[in-house]
């Protein structure tokens, strides 16, 4: 069975009946978004750090890997835990996630795809507390220096507007990864004292990690902020080296767990509140930020799609 396509393209849905796809996550959305993700998945092929793709069914739904925790994401685990949940993710697990996010994004860059929506709400849990990256409806395929990026990740992951034209088309991913790494290391988002994320970043004012508490990792965050990497493949090398150095020093007793150090040596004087964010629509890059002492879920569930801020579909 074929489905009408975009500009003459067609999907072949043969052999993908809904009765045979119960073991998959069926992701719905506008046809254009489905087509973008289908094209990306077919170009990049399978990768352990990218959510698995199993085709499209007769209803035009993407068939994706069904994860053990549903669409549970890292942002929710870190910043919006269930009431009464005293579980705190160990630092060693968080640096593993940092490495795995970089590996997934490096695979996209290898195939000349800019994710353009790197943030912890798009990082989902796979087996044994490993992660996979997901949601490529905002991605750009084969971008070039003249590509006009009309979308981007939410603030505070959004890079300064001047970066895209001056720092290269991958700058949106590299900068967002720097913020992602900052959040994973410190258990907080940068600039939470109430000042606009976008304004801070436009003025090239970035909140860094303490090099004392986070040796090796602080330098990677700063290099991402300054776009000193040309692709995520270079980030992977530095992250793996940082993980190795930190683990060896920790085992020898030369350094302490950063989560213990932060009790007496905070990263900054910022208030420990998590900002509420709005998702970035197709033609809206600024978003809004506000403080809240009870952080809501900042991002929609995986499979929810937006056009100019309006929800148009949700995954089942």
Protein backbone atom coordinates (compact mmCIF):
# COMPACT_ATOMS: atom_id res chain seq x y z
CA UNK A 1 0.00 0.00 0.00
CA UNK A 2 1.35 3.40 -0.96
CA UNK A 3 0.62 6.76 0.61
CA UNK A 4 0.61 10.13 -1.15
CA UNK A 5 3.92 11.86 -0.58
CA UNK A 6 5.48 15.29 -0.66
CA UNK A 7 6.53 16.60 -4.08
CA UNK A 8 6.04 13.21 -5.70
CA UNK A 9 7.59 11.10 -2.94
CA UNK A 10 5.72 8.01 -1.73
CA UNK A 11 6.02 5.75 1.28
CA UNK A 12 5.88 2.00 0.84
CA UNK A 13 3.82 0.67 3.74
CA UNK A 14 3.66 -2.95 2.57
CA UNK A 15 4.14 -5.51 5.31
CA UNK A 16 3.76 -2.97 8.12
CA UNK A 17 0.21 -3.61 9.30
CA UNK A 18 -0.77 -2.21 12.69
CA UNK A 19 -1.47 -5.71 14.01
CA UNK A 20 2.17 -6.61 13.46
CA UNK A 21 3.58 -3.50 15.12
CA UNK A 22 2.42 -3.83 18.72
CA UNK A 23 6.02 -4.26 19.84
CA UNK A 24 6.94 -0.81 18.49
CA UNK A 25 6.33 2.72 19.67
CA UNK A 26 4.02 4.21 17.03
CA UNK A 27 4.95 7.89 16.66
CA UNK A 28 2.40 10.11 14.96
CA UNK A 29 2.68 13.60 13.55
CA UNK A 30 2.31 15.71 10.45
CA UNK A 31 3.33 13.99 7.25
CA UNK A 32 6.22 16.42 6.70
CA UNK A 33 7.70 15.58 10.11
CA UNK A 34 7.29 11.84 9.54
CA UNK A 35 9.00 12.19 6.18
CA UNK A 36 11.94 14.13 7.66
CA UNK A 37 12.55 11.53 10.36
CA UNK A 38 12.07 8.61 7.95
CA UNK A 39 14.65 10.13 5.60
CA UNK A 40 17.13 10.62 8.45
CA UNK A 41 16.70 7.14 9.91
CA UNK A 42 17.17 5.53 6.50
CA UNK A 43 20.30 7.56 5.83
CA UNK A 44 22.07 6.99 9.15
CA UNK A 45 21.16 3.35 9.73
CA UNK A 46 21.01 1.77 13.20
CA UNK A 47 23.18 3.00 16.04
CA UNK A 48 23.10 1.92 19.72
CA UNK A 49 22.80 5.52 20.93
CA UNK A 50 19.96 6.50 18.58
CA UNK A 51 16.41 5.28 19.05
CA UNK A 52 15.75 2.27 16.81
CA UNK A 53 13.76 2.70 13.59
CA UNK A 54 11.56 -0.08 12.15
CA UNK A 55 9.80 1.58 9.24
CA UNK A 56 6.40 3.23 8.76
CA UNK A 57 3.01 1.49 9.09
CA UNK A 58 -0.06 1.79 6.88
CA UNK A 59 -1.31 4.72 8.96
CA UNK A 60 1.81 6.77 8.28
CA UNK A 61 3.15 6.31 11.80
CA UNK A 62 6.86 5.88 12.50
CA UNK A 63 7.65 2.54 14.11
CA UNK A 64 10.30 3.17 16.71
CA UNK A 65 12.04 1.15 19.38
CA UNK A 66 9.75 0.57 22.37
CA UNK A 67 11.81 1.54 25.39
CA UNK A 68 11.52 -0.17 28.79
CA UNK A 69 10.49 3.08 30.52
CA UNK A 70 8.29 4.42 27.75
CA UNK A 71 9.28 7.91 26.73
CA UNK A 72 10.95 8.68 30.07
CA UNK A 73 13.65 11.32 29.52
CA UNK A 74 16.78 12.49 31.31
CA UNK A 75 15.46 16.00 31.94
CA UNK A 76 12.55 14.63 33.98
CA UNK A 77 14.88 12.32 35.93
CA UNK A 78 17.23 15.17 36.86
CA UNK A 79 14.89 18.11 37.38
CA UNK A 80 11.33 16.86 37.86
CA UNK A 81 11.53 13.62 39.84
CA UNK A 82 8.43 11.91 41.14
CA UNK A 83 7.30 13.25 44.54
CA UNK A 84 9.01 11.34 47.31
CA UNK A 85 11.71 9.99 44.98
CA UNK A 86 15.00 10.38 46.84
CA UNK A 87 16.97 8.70 44.08
CA UNK A 88 19.86 10.84 42.87
CA UNK A 89 21.64 9.73 39.73
CA UNK A 90 25.32 9.03 40.53
CA UNK A 91 27.92 11.24 38.89
CA UNK A 92 29.52 8.26 37.13
CA UNK A 93 26.18 7.46 35.50
CA UNK A 94 25.75 11.06 34.37
CA UNK A 95 29.14 11.16 32.69
CA UNK A 96 28.22 7.91 30.93
CA UNK A 97 25.09 9.63 29.60
CA UNK A 98 27.19 12.59 28.48
CA UNK A 99 29.44 10.27 26.47
CA UNK A 100 26.51 8.41 24.94
CA UNK A 101 24.72 11.62 23.89
CA UNK A 102 27.92 12.74 22.17
CA UNK A 103 28.21 9.36 20.42
CA UNK A 104 24.66 9.59 19.07
CA UNK A 105 25.11 13.15 17.86
CA UNK A 106 28.47 12.24 16.30
CA UNK A 107 26.70 9.59 14.23
CA UNK A 108 24.31 12.25 12.92
CA UNK A 109 27.20 14.59 12.09
CA UNK A 110 29.02 11.77 10.34
CA UNK A 111 26.07 11.61 7.93
CA UNK A 112 25.92 15.41 7.56
CA UNK A 113 22.81 15.88 9.66
CA UNK A 114 22.43 18.63 12.26
CA UNK A 115 20.16 17.47 15.10
CA UNK A 116 19.19 21.07 15.90
CA UNK A 117 17.23 19.99 18.97
CA UNK A 118 19.84 18.72 21.40
CA UNK A 119 18.46 18.90 24.93
CA UNK A 120 17.86 16.51 27.81
CA UNK A 121 14.15 16.24 27.03
CA UNK A 122 15.10 14.39 23.83
CA UNK A 123 17.38 11.92 25.59
CA UNK A 124 15.43 8.78 26.49
CA UNK A 125 16.25 5.79 28.67
CA UNK A 126 17.07 2.48 27.03
CA UNK A 127 18.11 -0.76 28.75
CA UNK A 128 20.25 -0.80 31.91
CA UNK A 129 20.20 2.99 32.35
CA UNK A 130 21.84 3.60 28.98
CA UNK A 131 20.32 6.31 26.80
CA UNK A 132 19.30 6.96 23.21
CA UNK A 133 18.77 10.30 21.50
CA UNK A 134 15.49 10.95 19.69
CA UNK A 135 13.22 13.48 17.97
CA UNK A 136 14.69 14.65 14.66
CA UNK A 137 11.73 16.62 13.30
CA UNK A 138 13.75 19.85 13.58
CA UNK A 139 16.92 18.37 12.06
CA UNK A 140 18.62 19.73 8.95
CA UNK A 141 19.87 17.37 6.26
CA UNK A 142 22.98 18.45 4.35
CA UNK A 143 22.98 22.04 5.65
CA UNK A 144 25.49 24.54 4.30
CA UNK A 145 26.84 27.92 5.47
CA UNK A 146 23.88 29.67 3.79
CA UNK A 147 21.22 27.50 5.46
CA UNK A 148 18.70 29.62 7.36
CA UNK A 149 18.00 27.89 10.68
CA UNK A 150 14.38 28.77 11.48
CA UNK A 151 14.13 26.43 14.47
CA UNK A 152 16.35 25.51 17.35
CA UNK A 153 16.44 23.90 20.77
CA UNK A 154 14.69 25.58 23.70
CA UNK A 155 16.45 28.20 25.75
CA UNK A 156 18.85 27.78 27.59
CA UNK A 157 20.24 25.39 24.93
CA UNK A 158 19.88 27.94 22.12
CA UNK A 159 23.16 29.28 20.78
CA UNK A 160 23.79 32.99 20.08
CA UNK A 161 22.23 34.02 16.78
CA UNK A 162 25.56 35.20 15.37
CA UNK A 163 27.05 31.72 15.81
CA UNK A 164 25.12 29.98 13.03
CA UNK A 165 26.51 32.26 10.32
CA UNK A 166 29.99 32.73 11.78
CA UNK A 167 30.71 29.45 13.52
CA UNK A 168 29.25 26.95 11.04
CA UNK A 169 26.04 25.03 10.66
CA UNK A 170 26.90 22.52 13.41
CA UNK A 171 27.29 25.27 16.00
CA UNK A 172 23.69 24.84 17.15
CA UNK A 173 24.42 21.22 18.16
CA UNK A 174 27.84 21.93 19.66
CA UNK A 175 26.64 24.82 21.80
CA UNK A 176 23.57 22.88 22.95
CA UNK A 177 25.78 19.95 23.89
CA UNK A 178 27.85 22.30 26.07
CA UNK A 179 24.70 23.28 27.96
CA UNK A 180 23.68 19.61 28.14
CA UNK A 181 27.05 18.66 29.63
CA UNK A 182 26.85 21.56 32.10
CA UNK A 183 23.41 20.35 33.24
CA UNK A 184 24.51 16.73 33.58
CA UNK A 185 27.59 17.63 35.60
CA UNK A 186 26.00 20.18 37.92
CA UNK A 187 22.39 18.97 38.18
CA UNK A 188 21.21 22.44 37.18
CA UNK A 189 20.65 24.53 34.08
CA UNK A 190 22.80 27.63 33.53
CA UNK A 191 21.57 31.11 34.38
CA UNK A 192 18.73 30.11 36.69
CA UNK A 193 18.71 33.38 38.61
CA UNK A 194 15.90 34.77 36.48
CA UNK A 195 17.79 36.60 33.73
CA UNK A 196 16.77 35.68 30.20
CA UNK A 197 18.77 32.76 28.84
CA UNK A 198 18.58 34.22 25.37
CA UNK A 199 19.80 37.66 26.51
CA UNK A 200 22.75 36.15 28.38
CA UNK A 201 23.79 34.04 25.42
CA UNK A 202 23.33 36.84 22.90
CA UNK A 203 25.77 38.87 25.01
CA UNK A 204 28.14 35.86 24.93
CA UNK A 205 27.84 35.45 28.69
CA UNK A 206 27.92 31.77 29.58
CA UNK A 207 27.87 30.01 32.94
CA UNK A 208 30.81 27.64 33.20
CA UNK A 209 31.67 24.72 35.43
CA UNK A 210 34.17 24.98 38.25
CA UNK A 211 37.49 23.59 37.00
CA UNK A 212 38.28 22.61 40.60
CA UNK A 213 35.16 20.50 41.07
CA UNK A 214 34.95 19.26 37.47
CA UNK A 215 38.50 18.82 36.17
CA UNK A 216 38.60 17.79 32.49
CA UNK A 217 34.86 18.37 31.97
CA UNK A 218 34.89 22.14 32.56
CA UNK A 219 37.21 22.64 29.59
CA UNK A 220 34.89 20.68 27.28
CA UNK A 221 31.92 22.86 28.27
CA UNK A 222 33.93 26.01 27.54
CA UNK A 223 35.10 24.65 24.18
CA UNK A 224 31.48 23.94 23.24
CA UNK A 225 30.41 27.45 24.24
CA UNK A 226 33.16 28.88 22.03
CA UNK A 227 32.47 26.37 19.22
CA UNK A 228 36.04 25.11 19.24
CA UNK A 229 34.84 21.74 17.93
CA UNK A 230 34.03 21.20 14.28
CA UNK A 231 31.73 18.23 14.95
CA UNK A 232 30.51 15.96 17.73
CA UNK A 233 33.05 13.38 16.63
CA UNK A 234 35.73 15.59 18.19
CA UNK A 235 33.67 15.96 21.36
CA UNK A 236 33.49 12.17 21.73
CA UNK A 237 37.29 11.96 21.90
CA UNK A 238 37.52 14.59 24.64
CA UNK A 239 34.61 13.15 26.65
CA UNK A 240 36.10 9.65 26.61
CA UNK A 241 39.48 11.03 27.70
CA UNK A 242 37.81 13.04 30.48
CA UNK A 243 35.88 9.97 31.66
CA UNK A 244 39.06 7.90 31.74
CA UNK A 245 41.08 10.54 33.60
CA UNK A 246 38.32 11.21 36.12
CA UNK A 247 37.70 7.51 36.82
CA UNK A 248 41.41 6.81 37.34
CA UNK A 249 41.84 9.80 39.65
CA UNK A 250 38.69 8.91 41.59
CA UNK A 251 39.78 5.30 42.10
CA UNK A 252 43.15 6.52 43.42
CA UNK A 253 41.44 8.91 45.81
CA UNK A 254 42.99 11.95 44.16
CA UNK A 255 39.59 13.62 43.60
CA UNK A 256 36.18 13.45 45.28
CA UNK A 257 32.68 12.93 43.99
CA UNK A 258 31.54 16.35 42.68
CA UNK A 259 28.09 15.83 44.19
CA UNK A 260 29.71 15.83 47.65
CA UNK A 261 31.94 18.81 46.92
CA UNK A 262 29.04 20.95 45.74
CA UNK A 263 27.52 20.83 49.22
CA UNK A 264 30.25 23.13 50.51
CA UNK A 265 31.57 24.65 47.27
CA UNK A 266 28.69 25.68 45.01
CA UNK A 267 29.32 26.19 41.32
CA UNK A 268 27.93 29.71 41.42
CA UNK A 269 25.75 31.96 43.50
CA UNK A 270 22.74 31.24 41.29
CA UNK A 271 19.47 30.37 43.00
CA UNK A 272 18.71 26.67 42.94
CA UNK A 273 15.49 27.04 41.01
CA UNK A 274 14.70 25.38 37.70
CA UNK A 275 13.23 27.68 35.03
CA UNK A 276 10.05 26.89 33.18
CA UNK A 277 10.54 26.98 29.43
CA UNK A 278 8.39 27.15 26.37
CA UNK A 279 9.11 24.93 23.40
CA UNK A 280 10.51 26.68 20.33
CA UNK A 281 8.11 26.78 17.40
CA UNK A 282 9.11 26.76 13.73
CA UNK A 283 9.50 30.53 13.56
CA UNK A 284 10.14 31.34 17.21
CA UNK A 285 13.63 31.19 18.67
CA UNK A 286 13.37 33.34 21.77
CA UNK A 287 10.88 31.46 23.93
CA UNK A 288 10.14 32.60 27.46
CA UNK A 289 11.66 31.76 30.82
CA UNK A 290 10.43 32.18 34.35
CA UNK A 291 11.42 30.90 37.76
CA UNK A 292 9.44 28.37 39.67
CA UNK A 293 10.21 26.59 42.91
CA UNK A 294 8.22 23.56 41.75
CA UNK A 295 9.61 22.86 38.30
CA UNK A 296 7.02 21.65 35.80
CA UNK A 297 7.82 19.37 32.91
CA UNK A 298 9.70 21.67 30.59
CA UNK A 299 9.37 19.67 27.41
CA UNK A 300 6.48 17.79 25.81
CA UNK A 301 6.50 14.02 25.75
CA UNK A 302 8.52 12.48 22.96
CA UNK A 303 6.30 12.21 19.91
CA UNK A 304 4.59 15.55 20.49
CA UNK A 305 5.07 17.92 17.57
CA UNK A 306 4.79 21.67 17.29
CA UNK A 307 4.12 24.15 14.53
CA UNK A 308 4.53 27.73 15.69
CA UNK A 309 4.00 26.50 19.25
CA UNK A 310 0.80 24.55 18.51
CA UNK A 311 0.61 20.84 19.30
CA UNK A 312 -0.33 18.92 16.17
CA UNK A 313 0.10 15.30 17.22
CA UNK A 314 1.36 12.94 19.90
CA UNK A 315 3.02 9.57 19.86
CA UNK A 316 1.08 6.69 21.32
